[in-house]
Amino acid sequence: MVSVTGAERIAPAVCAIGVVAEFLCGYAGYFIVNRIWPGFYYTPIDERKWTWLGLQGACITIYVVGVLCAYGGLKRATYAMASRMHLAARRV
């Protein structure tokens, strides 16, 4: 068995935080920014909309970091298992 590293252990938590933060910034954040700048969502891209889009981008970045941590662990485990299978096939 391949051991789990710290990055792989935090990957599910980081992904969950990113998804929850995306929901909060996308849904609740819309109402908060709309209270400060009414009608910002229906205007062309300007500094008001960049505030809201920037928050969403930060949340998506958090999620992607979690996915990359998990992917790194899966890739490492796959290579380790493949090398063991190769060694086992040589012994036969």
PDB file of N, CA and C in Angstrom:
ATOM      1  N   MET A   1       0.834  -1.182   0.000  1.00  0.00           N
ATOM      2  CA  MET A   1       0.000   0.000   0.000  1.00  0.00           C
ATOM      3  C   MET A   1       0.881   1.248   0.000  1.00  0.00           C
ATOM      4  N   VAL A   2       0.411   2.243  -0.640  1.00  0.00           N
ATOM      5  CA  VAL A   2       1.117   3.519  -0.703  1.00  0.00           C
ATOM      6  C   VAL A   2       0.560   4.416   0.397  1.00  0.00           C
ATOM      7  N   SER A   3       1.442   5.049   1.159  1.00  0.00           N
ATOM      8  CA  SER A   3       0.971   5.896   2.254  1.00  0.00           C
ATOM      9  C   SER A   3       0.416   7.212   1.728  1.00  0.00           C
ATOM     10  N   VAL A   4      -0.459   7.784   2.508  1.00  0.00           N
ATOM     11  CA  VAL A   4      -1.105   9.043   2.148  1.00  0.00           C
ATOM     12  C   VAL A   4      -0.294  10.189   2.739  1.00  0.00           C
ATOM     13  N   THR A   5      -0.004  11.202   1.921  1.00  0.00           N
ATOM     14  CA  THR A   5       0.756  12.353   2.402  1.00  0.00           C
ATOM     15  C   THR A   5      -0.197  13.429   2.919  1.00  0.00           C
ATOM     16  N   GLY A   6       0.375  14.475   3.496  1.00  0.00           N
ATOM     17  CA  GLY A   6      -0.430  15.569   4.040  1.00  0.00           C
ATOM     18  C   GLY A   6      -1.266  16.272   2.993  1.00  0.00           C
ATOM     19  N   ALA A   7      -0.698  16.475   1.803  1.00  0.00           N
ATOM     20  CA  ALA A   7      -1.440  17.159   0.737  1.00  0.00           C
ATOM     21  C   ALA A   7      -2.656  16.353   0.312  1.00  0.00           C
ATOM     22  N   GLU A   8      -2.512  15.041   0.291  1.00  0.00           N
ATOM     23  CA  GLU A   8      -3.633  14.190  -0.097  1.00  0.00           C
ATOM     24  C   GLU A   8      -4.708  14.147   0.987  1.00  0.00           C
ATOM     25  N   ARG A   9      -4.288  14.270   2.225  1.00  0.00           N
ATOM     26  CA  ARG A   9      -5.269  14.258   3.313  1.00  0.00           C
ATOM     27  C   ARG A   9      -6.122  15.522   3.331  1.00  0.00           C
ATOM     28  N   ILE A  10      -5.524  16.649   2.972  1.00  0.00           N
ATOM     29  CA  ILE A  10      -6.294  17.890   3.022  1.00  0.00           C
ATOM     30  C   ILE A  10      -7.075  18.153   1.736  1.00  0.00           C
ATOM     31  N   ALA A  11      -6.830  17.372   0.685  1.00  0.00           N
ATOM     32  CA  ALA A  11      -7.483  17.605  -0.608  1.00  0.00           C
ATOM     33  C   ALA A  11      -9.021  17.613  -0.514  1.00  0.00           C
ATOM     34  N   PRO A  12      -9.665  16.625   0.129  1.00  0.00           N
ATOM     35  CA  PRO A  12     -11.129  16.674   0.210  1.00  0.00           C
ATOM     36  C   PRO A  12     -11.647  17.905   0.964  1.00  0.00           C
ATOM     37  N   ALA A  13     -10.943  18.274   2.033  1.00  0.00           N
ATOM     38  CA  ALA A  13     -11.367  19.448   2.804  1.00  0.00           C
ATOM     39  C   ALA A  13     -11.218  20.727   1.986  1.00  0.00           C
ATOM     40  N   VAL A  14     -10.111  20.850   1.242  1.00  0.00           N
ATOM     41  CA  VAL A  14      -9.888  22.044   0.428  1.00  0.00           C
ATOM     42  C   VAL A  14     -10.947  22.127  -0.678  1.00  0.00           C
ATOM     43  N   CYS A  15     -11.253  20.992  -1.305  1.00  0.00           N
ATOM     44  CA  CYS A  15     -12.294  20.986  -2.336  1.00  0.00           C
ATOM     45  C   CYS A  15     -13.650  21.373  -1.753  1.00  0.00           C
ATOM     46  N   ALA A  16     -13.972  20.832  -0.591  1.00  0.00           N
ATOM     47  CA  ALA A  16     -15.252  21.161   0.040  1.00  0.00           C
ATOM     48  C   ALA A  16     -15.318  22.636   0.408  1.00  0.00           C
ATOM     49  N   ILE A  17     -14.236  23.178   0.936  1.00  0.00           N
ATOM     50  CA  ILE A  17     -14.201  24.607   1.272  1.00  0.00           C
ATOM     51  C   ILE A  17     -14.394  25.438   0.016  1.00  0.00           C
ATOM     52  N   GLY A  18     -13.748  25.045  -1.075  1.00  0.00           N
ATOM     53  CA  GLY A  18     -13.895  25.779  -2.330  1.00  0.00           C
ATOM     54  C   GLY A  18     -15.308  25.764  -2.862  1.00  0.00           C
ATOM     55  N   VAL A  19     -15.975  24.616  -2.779  1.00  0.00           N
ATOM     56  CA  VAL A  19     -17.354  24.511  -3.277  1.00  0.00           C
ATOM     57  C   VAL A  19     -18.301  25.336  -2.404  1.00  0.00           C
ATOM     58  N   VAL A  20     -18.157  25.229  -1.088  1.00  0.00           N
ATOM     59  CA  VAL A  20     -19.028  26.000  -0.183  1.00  0.00           C
ATOM     60  C   VAL A  20     -18.767  27.494  -0.345  1.00  0.00           C
ATOM     61  N   ALA A  21     -17.508  27.872  -0.460  1.00  0.00           N
ATOM     62  CA  ALA A  21     -17.178  29.288  -0.650  1.00  0.00           C
ATOM     63  C   ALA A  21     -17.720  29.802  -1.981  1.00  0.00           C
ATOM     64  N   GLU A  22     -17.665  28.977  -3.016  1.00  0.00           N
ATOM     65  CA  GLU A  22     -18.226  29.374  -4.314  1.00  0.00           C
ATOM     66  C   GLU A  22     -19.722  29.614  -4.202  1.00  0.00           C
ATOM     67  N   PHE A  23     -20.417  28.731  -3.490  1.00  0.00           N
ATOM     68  CA  PHE A  23     -21.854  28.924  -3.294  1.00  0.00           C
ATOM     69  C   PHE A  23     -22.127  30.215  -2.522  1.00  0.00           C
ATOM     70  N   LEU A  24     -21.377  30.415  -1.437  1.00  0.00           N
ATOM     71  CA  LEU A  24     -21.614  31.608  -0.626  1.00  0.00           C
ATOM     72  C   LEU A  24     -21.291  32.892  -1.386  1.00  0.00           C
ATOM     73  N   CYS A  25     -20.167  32.895  -2.101  1.00  0.00           N
ATOM     74  CA  CYS A  25     -19.800  34.099  -2.858  1.00  0.00           C
ATOM     75  C   CYS A  25     -20.692  34.292  -4.076  1.00  0.00           C
ATOM     76  N   GLY A  26     -21.089  33.194  -4.706  1.00  0.00           N
ATOM     77  CA  GLY A  26     -21.929  33.304  -5.886  1.00  0.00           C
ATOM     78  C   GLY A  26     -23.351  33.695  -5.556  1.00  0.00           C
ATOM     79  N   TYR A  27     -23.890  33.132  -4.493  1.00  0.00           N
ATOM     80  CA  TYR A  27     -25.286  33.410  -4.146  1.00  0.00           C
ATOM     81  C   TYR A  27     -25.397  34.589  -3.184  1.00  0.00           C
ATOM     82  N   ALA A  28     -24.854  34.422  -1.993  1.00  0.00           N
ATOM     83  CA  ALA A  28     -24.936  35.504  -1.000  1.00  0.00           C
ATOM     84  C   ALA A  28     -24.118  36.709  -1.442  1.00  0.00           C
ATOM     85  N   GLY A  29     -22.968  36.454  -2.063  1.00  0.00           N
ATOM     86  CA  GLY A  29     -22.119  37.549  -2.535  1.00  0.00           C
ATOM     87  C   GLY A  29     -22.819  38.427  -3.554  1.00  0.00           C
ATOM     88  N   TYR A  30     -23.653  37.807  -4.382  1.00  0.00           N
ATOM     89  CA  TYR A  30     -24.421  38.586  -5.352  1.00  0.00           C
ATOM     90  C   TYR A  30     -25.284  39.625  -4.638  1.00  0.00           C
ATOM     91  N   PHE A  31     -25.997  39.205  -3.605  1.00  0.00           N
ATOM     92  CA  PHE A  31     -26.890  40.123  -2.890  1.00  0.00           C
ATOM     93  C   PHE A  31     -26.112  41.192  -2.129  1.00  0.00           C
ATOM     94  N   ILE A  32     -24.962  40.818  -1.587  1.00  0.00           N
ATOM     95  CA  ILE A  32     -24.142  41.792  -0.854  1.00  0.00           C
ATOM     96  C   ILE A  32     -23.603  42.854  -1.807  1.00  0.00           C
ATOM     97  N   VAL A  33     -23.019  42.411  -2.935  1.00  0.00           N
ATOM     98  CA  VAL A  33     -22.478  43.371  -3.902  1.00  0.00           C
ATOM     99  C   VAL A  33     -23.611  44.179  -4.535  1.00  0.00           C
ATOM    100  N   ASN A  34     -24.756  43.543  -4.772  1.00  0.00           N
ATOM    101  CA  ASN A  34     -25.888  44.263  -5.351  1.00  0.00           C
ATOM    102  C   ASN A  34     -26.427  45.320  -4.386  1.00  0.00           C
ATOM    103  N   ARG A  35     -26.295  45.089  -3.092  1.00  0.00           N
ATOM    104  CA  ARG A  35     -26.736  46.082  -2.112  1.00  0.00           C
ATOM    105  C   ARG A  35     -25.809  47.312  -2.162  1.00  0.00           C
ATOM    106  N   ILE A  36     -24.515  47.084  -2.387  1.00  0.00           N
ATOM    107  CA  ILE A  36     -23.557  48.192  -2.470  1.00  0.00           C
ATOM    108  C   ILE A  36     -23.686  48.921  -3.796  1.00  0.00           C
ATOM    109  N   TRP A  37     -23.750  48.147  -4.903  1.00  0.00           N
ATOM    110  CA  TRP A  37     -23.865  48.712  -6.257  1.00  0.00           C
ATOM    111  C   TRP A  37     -25.097  48.125  -6.933  1.00  0.00           C
ATOM    112  N   PRO A  38     -26.262  48.727  -6.750  1.00  0.00           N
ATOM    113  CA  PRO A  38     -27.484  48.178  -7.345  1.00  0.00           C
ATOM    114  C   PRO A  38     -27.354  48.013  -8.864  1.00  0.00           C
ATOM    115  N   GLY A  39     -27.830  46.899  -9.354  1.00  0.00           N
ATOM    116  CA  GLY A  39     -27.834  46.642 -10.783  1.00  0.00           C
ATOM    117  C   GLY A  39     -26.478  46.315 -11.379  1.00  0.00           C
ATOM    118  N   PHE A  40     -25.481  45.977 -10.543  1.00  0.00           N
ATOM    119  CA  PHE A  40     -24.134  45.715 -11.070  1.00  0.00           C
ATOM    120  C   PHE A  40     -24.125  44.528 -12.023  1.00  0.00           C
ATOM    121  N   TYR A  41     -24.980  43.562 -11.793  1.00  0.00           N
ATOM    122  CA  TYR A  41     -24.973  42.333 -12.582  1.00  0.00           C
ATOM    123  C   TYR A  41     -25.388  42.570 -14.029  1.00  0.00           C
ATOM    124  N   TYR A  42     -26.199  43.589 -14.248  1.00  0.00           N
ATOM    125  CA  TYR A  42     -26.743  43.839 -15.578  1.00  0.00           C
ATOM    126  C   TYR A  42     -25.988  44.903 -16.353  1.00  0.00           C
ATOM    127  N   THR A  43     -24.870  45.362 -15.825  1.00  0.00           N
ATOM    128  CA  THR A  43     -24.059  46.366 -16.514  1.00  0.00           C
ATOM    129  C   THR A  43     -22.894  45.678 -17.220  1.00  0.00           C
ATOM    130  N   PRO A  44     -22.320  46.339 -18.209  1.00  0.00           N
ATOM    131  CA  PRO A  44     -21.111  45.764 -18.818  1.00  0.00           C
ATOM    132  C   PRO A  44     -20.016  45.597 -17.760  1.00  0.00           C
ATOM    133  N   ILE A  45     -19.029  44.798 -18.070  1.00  0.00           N
ATOM    134  CA  ILE A  45     -17.952  44.522 -17.114  1.00  0.00           C
ATOM    135  C   ILE A  45     -17.276  45.827 -16.699  1.00  0.00           C
ATOM    136  N   ASP A  46     -17.343  46.117 -15.436  1.00  0.00           N
ATOM    137  CA  ASP A  46     -16.643  47.269 -14.868  1.00  0.00           C
ATOM    138  C   ASP A  46     -16.161  46.875 -13.476  1.00  0.00           C
ATOM    139  N   GLU A  47     -15.644  47.832 -12.726  1.00  0.00           N
ATOM    140  CA  GLU A  47     -15.044  47.510 -11.424  1.00  0.00           C
ATOM    141  C   GLU A  47     -16.050  46.876 -10.469  1.00  0.00           C
ATOM    142  N   ARG A  48     -17.313  47.181 -10.600  1.00  0.00           N
ATOM    143  CA  ARG A  48     -18.302  46.591  -9.693  1.00  0.00           C
ATOM    144  C   ARG A  48     -18.448  45.092  -9.948  1.00  0.00           C
ATOM    145  N   LYS A  49     -18.517  44.738 -11.219  1.00  0.00           N
ATOM    146  CA  LYS A  49     -18.660  43.319 -11.536  1.00  0.00           C
ATOM    147  C   LYS A  49     -17.355  42.569 -11.290  1.00  0.00           C
ATOM    148  N   TRP A  50     -16.222  43.224 -11.472  1.00  0.00           N
ATOM    149  CA  TRP A  50     -14.936  42.580 -11.209  1.00  0.00           C
ATOM    150  C   TRP A  50     -14.817  42.169  -9.751  1.00  0.00           C
ATOM    151  N   THR A  51     -15.439  42.916  -8.841  1.00  0.00           N
ATOM    152  CA  THR A  51     -15.412  42.546  -7.423  1.00  0.00           C
ATOM    153  C   THR A  51     -16.057  41.179  -7.229  1.00  0.00           C
ATOM    154  N   TRP A  52     -17.229  41.020  -7.777  1.00  0.00           N
ATOM    155  CA  TRP A  52     -17.984  39.775  -7.631  1.00  0.00           C
ATOM    156  C   TRP A  52     -17.283  38.635  -8.371  1.00  0.00           C
ATOM    157  N   LEU A  53     -16.825  38.874  -9.585  1.00  0.00           N
ATOM    158  CA  LEU A  53     -16.137  37.845 -10.360  1.00  0.00           C
ATOM    159  C   LEU A  53     -14.807  37.459  -9.719  1.00  0.00           C
ATOM    160  N   GLY A  54     -14.124  38.426  -9.116  1.00  0.00           N
ATOM    161  CA  GLY A  54     -12.869  38.134  -8.426  1.00  0.00           C
ATOM    162  C   GLY A  54     -13.072  37.208  -7.242  1.00  0.00           C
ATOM    163  N   LEU A  55     -14.136  37.430  -6.484  1.00  0.00           N
ATOM    164  CA  LEU A  55     -14.451  36.542  -5.361  1.00  0.00           C
ATOM    165  C   LEU A  55     -14.728  35.128  -5.855  1.00  0.00           C
ATOM    166  N   GLN A  56     -15.484  35.019  -6.934  1.00  0.00           N
ATOM    167  CA  GLN A  56     -15.774  33.690  -7.478  1.00  0.00           C
ATOM    168  C   GLN A  56     -14.507  33.028  -8.007  1.00  0.00           C
ATOM    169  N   GLY A  57     -13.657  33.790  -8.651  1.00  0.00           N
ATOM    170  CA  GLY A  57     -12.404  33.245  -9.154  1.00  0.00           C
ATOM    171  C   GLY A  57     -11.513  32.727  -8.034  1.00  0.00           C
ATOM    172  N   ALA A  58     -11.479  33.439  -6.927  1.00  0.00           N
ATOM    173  CA  ALA A  58     -10.684  32.995  -5.773  1.00  0.00           C
ATOM    174  C   ALA A  58     -11.227  31.678  -5.222  1.00  0.00           C
ATOM    175  N   CYS A  59     -12.535  31.545  -5.161  1.00  0.00           N
ATOM    176  CA  CYS A  59     -13.150  30.311  -4.656  1.00  0.00           C
ATOM    177  C   CYS A  59     -12.874  29.139  -5.591  1.00  0.00           C
ATOM    178  N   ILE A  60     -12.949  29.371  -6.881  1.00  0.00           N
ATOM    179  CA  ILE A  60     -12.662  28.312  -7.847  1.00  0.00           C
ATOM    180  C   ILE A  60     -11.191  27.913  -7.761  1.00  0.00           C
ATOM    181  N   THR A  61     -10.311  28.873  -7.522  1.00  0.00           N
ATOM    182  CA  THR A  61      -8.889  28.574  -7.368  1.00  0.00           C
ATOM    183  C   THR A  61      -8.651  27.671  -6.162  1.00  0.00           C
ATOM    184  N   ILE A  62      -9.345  27.913  -5.067  1.00  0.00           N
ATOM    185  CA  ILE A  62      -9.231  27.059  -3.880  1.00  0.00           C
ATOM    186  C   ILE A  62      -9.632  25.627  -4.229  1.00  0.00           C
ATOM    187  N   TYR A  63     -10.735  25.476  -4.954  1.00  0.00           N
ATOM    188  CA  TYR A  63     -11.205  24.156  -5.356  1.00  0.00           C
ATOM    189  C   TYR A  63     -10.168  23.458  -6.249  1.00  0.00           C
ATOM    190  N   VAL A  64      -9.608  24.179  -7.202  1.00  0.00           N
ATOM    191  CA  VAL A  64      -8.627  23.599  -8.123  1.00  0.00           C
ATOM    192  C   VAL A  64      -7.370  23.155  -7.367  1.00  0.00           C
ATOM    193  N   VAL A  65      -6.960  23.898  -6.365  1.00  0.00           N
ATOM    194  CA  VAL A  65      -5.803  23.491  -5.551  1.00  0.00           C
ATOM    195  C   VAL A  65      -6.093  22.143  -4.885  1.00  0.00           C
ATOM    196  N   GLY A  66      -7.300  21.973  -4.371  1.00  0.00           N
ATOM    197  CA  GLY A  66      -7.674  20.690  -3.775  1.00  0.00           C
ATOM    198  C   GLY A  66      -7.661  19.557  -4.788  1.00  0.00           C
ATOM    199  N   VAL A  67      -8.158  19.825  -5.986  1.00  0.00           N
ATOM    200  CA  VAL A  67      -8.156  18.807  -7.041  1.00  0.00           C
ATOM    201  C   VAL A  67      -6.728  18.436  -7.420  1.00  0.00           C
ATOM    202  N   LEU A  68      -5.848  19.418  -7.515  1.00  0.00           N
ATOM    203  CA  LEU A  68      -4.448  19.139  -7.857  1.00  0.00           C
ATOM    204  C   LEU A  68      -3.753  18.323  -6.775  1.00  0.00           C
ATOM    205  N   CYS A  69      -4.062  18.597  -5.518  1.00  0.00           N
ATOM    206  CA  CYS A  69      -3.493  17.796  -4.421  1.00  0.00           C
ATOM    207  C   CYS A  69      -3.949  16.343  -4.528  1.00  0.00           C
ATOM    208  N   ALA A  70      -5.232  16.146  -4.797  1.00  0.00           N
ATOM    209  CA  ALA A  70      -5.760  14.790  -4.933  1.00  0.00           C
ATOM    210  C   ALA A  70      -5.174  14.097  -6.160  1.00  0.00           C
ATOM    211  N   TYR A  71      -5.053  14.819  -7.257  1.00  0.00           N
ATOM    212  CA  TYR A  71      -4.503  14.240  -8.481  1.00  0.00           C
ATOM    213  C   TYR A  71      -3.057  13.800  -8.287  1.00  0.00           C
ATOM    214  N   GLY A  72      -2.292  14.612  -7.587  1.00  0.00           N
ATOM    215  CA  GLY A  72      -0.903  14.253  -7.322  1.00  0.00           C
ATOM    216  C   GLY A  72      -0.802  12.947  -6.542  1.00  0.00           C
ATOM    217  N   GLY A  73      -1.676  12.771  -5.576  1.00  0.00           N
ATOM    218  CA  GLY A  73      -1.683  11.533  -4.797  1.00  0.00           C
ATOM    219  C   GLY A  73      -2.094  10.332  -5.625  1.00  0.00           C
ATOM    220  N   LEU A  74      -3.112  10.509  -6.465  1.00  0.00           N
ATOM    221  CA  LEU A  74      -3.539   9.405  -7.325  1.00  0.00           C
ATOM    222  C   LEU A  74      -2.449   9.015  -8.322  1.00  0.00           C
ATOM    223  N   LYS A  75      -1.790  10.005  -8.855  1.00  0.00           N
ATOM    224  CA  LYS A  75      -0.718   9.748  -9.814  1.00  0.00           C
ATOM    225  C   LYS A  75       0.433   8.998  -9.145  1.00  0.00           C
ATOM    226  N   ARG A  76       0.808   9.436  -7.950  1.00  0.00           N
ATOM    227  CA  ARG A  76       1.900   8.793  -7.219  1.00  0.00           C
ATOM    228  C   ARG A  76       1.531   7.361  -6.861  1.00  0.00           C
ATOM    229  N   ALA A  77       0.293   7.142  -6.402  1.00  0.00           N
ATOM    230  CA  ALA A  77      -0.144   5.803  -6.032  1.00  0.00           C
ATOM    231  C   ALA A  77      -0.198   4.878  -7.251  1.00  0.00           C
ATOM    232  N   THR A  78      -0.634   5.415  -8.382  1.00  0.00           N
ATOM    233  CA  THR A  78      -0.699   4.610  -9.603  1.00  0.00           C
ATOM    234  C   THR A  78       0.689   4.166 -10.037  1.00  0.00           C
ATOM    235  N   TYR A  79       1.654   5.078  -9.997  1.00  0.00           N
ATOM    236  CA  TYR A  79       3.023   4.710 -10.360  1.00  0.00           C
ATOM    237  C   TYR A  79       3.590   3.671  -9.398  1.00  0.00           C
ATOM    238  N   ALA A  80       3.314   3.817  -8.131  1.00  0.00           N
ATOM    239  CA  ALA A  80       3.823   2.865  -7.145  1.00  0.00           C
ATOM    240  C   ALA A  80       3.203   1.486  -7.361  1.00  0.00           C
ATOM    241  N   MET A  81       1.912   1.436  -7.627  1.00  0.00           N
ATOM    242  CA  MET A  81       1.247   0.151  -7.866  1.00  0.00           C
ATOM    243  C   MET A  81       1.732  -0.484  -9.161  1.00  0.00           C
ATOM    244  N   ALA A  82       1.951   0.321 -10.186  1.00  0.00           N
ATOM    245  CA  ALA A  82       2.425  -0.212 -11.459  1.00  0.00           C
ATOM    246  C   ALA A  82       3.823  -0.798 -11.314  1.00  0.00           C
ATOM    247  N   SER A  83       4.677  -0.141 -10.555  1.00  0.00           N
ATOM    248  CA  SER A  83       6.029  -0.672 -10.371  1.00  0.00           C
ATOM    249  C   SER A  83       5.994  -1.974  -9.580  1.00  0.00           C
ATOM    250  N   ARG A  84       5.104  -2.083  -8.608  1.00  0.00           N
ATOM    251  CA  ARG A  84       4.981  -3.331  -7.846  1.00  0.00           C
ATOM    252  C   ARG A  84       4.445  -4.457  -8.719  1.00  0.00           C
ATOM    253  N   MET A  85       3.495  -4.129  -9.588  1.00  0.00           N
ATOM    254  CA  MET A  85       2.955  -5.142 -10.495  1.00  0.00           C
ATOM    255  C   MET A  85       4.036  -5.617 -11.456  1.00  0.00           C
ATOM    256  N   HIS A  86       4.859  -4.694 -11.899  1.00  0.00           N
ATOM    257  CA  HIS A  86       5.953  -5.047 -12.817  1.00  0.00           C
ATOM    258  C   HIS A  86       6.951  -5.960 -12.119  1.00  0.00           C
ATOM    259  N   LEU A  87       7.272  -5.682 -10.862  1.00  0.00           N
ATOM    260  CA  LEU A  87       8.204  -6.527 -10.107  1.00  0.00           C
ATOM    261  C   LEU A  87       7.594  -7.892  -9.838  1.00  0.00           C
ATOM    262  N   ALA A  88       6.320  -7.937  -9.538  1.00  0.00           N
ATOM    263  CA  ALA A  88       5.644  -9.209  -9.267  1.00  0.00           C
ATOM    264  C   ALA A  88       5.602 -10.061 -10.538  1.00  0.00           C
ATOM    265  N   ALA A  89       5.417  -9.439 -11.685  1.00  0.00           N
ATOM    266  CA  ALA A  89       5.367 -10.187 -12.943  1.00  0.00           C
ATOM    267  C   ALA A  89       6.743 -10.769 -13.278  1.00  0.00           C
ATOM    268  N   ARG A  90       7.804 -10.104 -12.883  1.00  0.00           N
ATOM    269  CA  ARG A  90       9.163 -10.610 -13.140  1.00  0.00           C
ATOM    270  C   ARG A  90       9.471 -11.832 -12.302  1.00  0.00           C
ATOM    271  N   ARG A  91       8.900 -11.921 -11.111  1.00  0.00           N
ATOM    272  CA  ARG A  91       9.183 -13.044 -10.193  1.00  0.00           C
ATOM    273  C   ARG A  91       8.549 -14.336 -10.685  1.00  0.00           C
ATOM    274  N   VAL A  92       7.513 -14.232 -11.469  1.00  0.00           N
ATOM    275  CA  VAL A  92       6.800 -15.447 -11.903  1.00  0.00           C
ATOM    276  C   VAL A  92       7.520 -16.147 -12.982  1.00  0.00           C
TER     277      VAL A  92
END
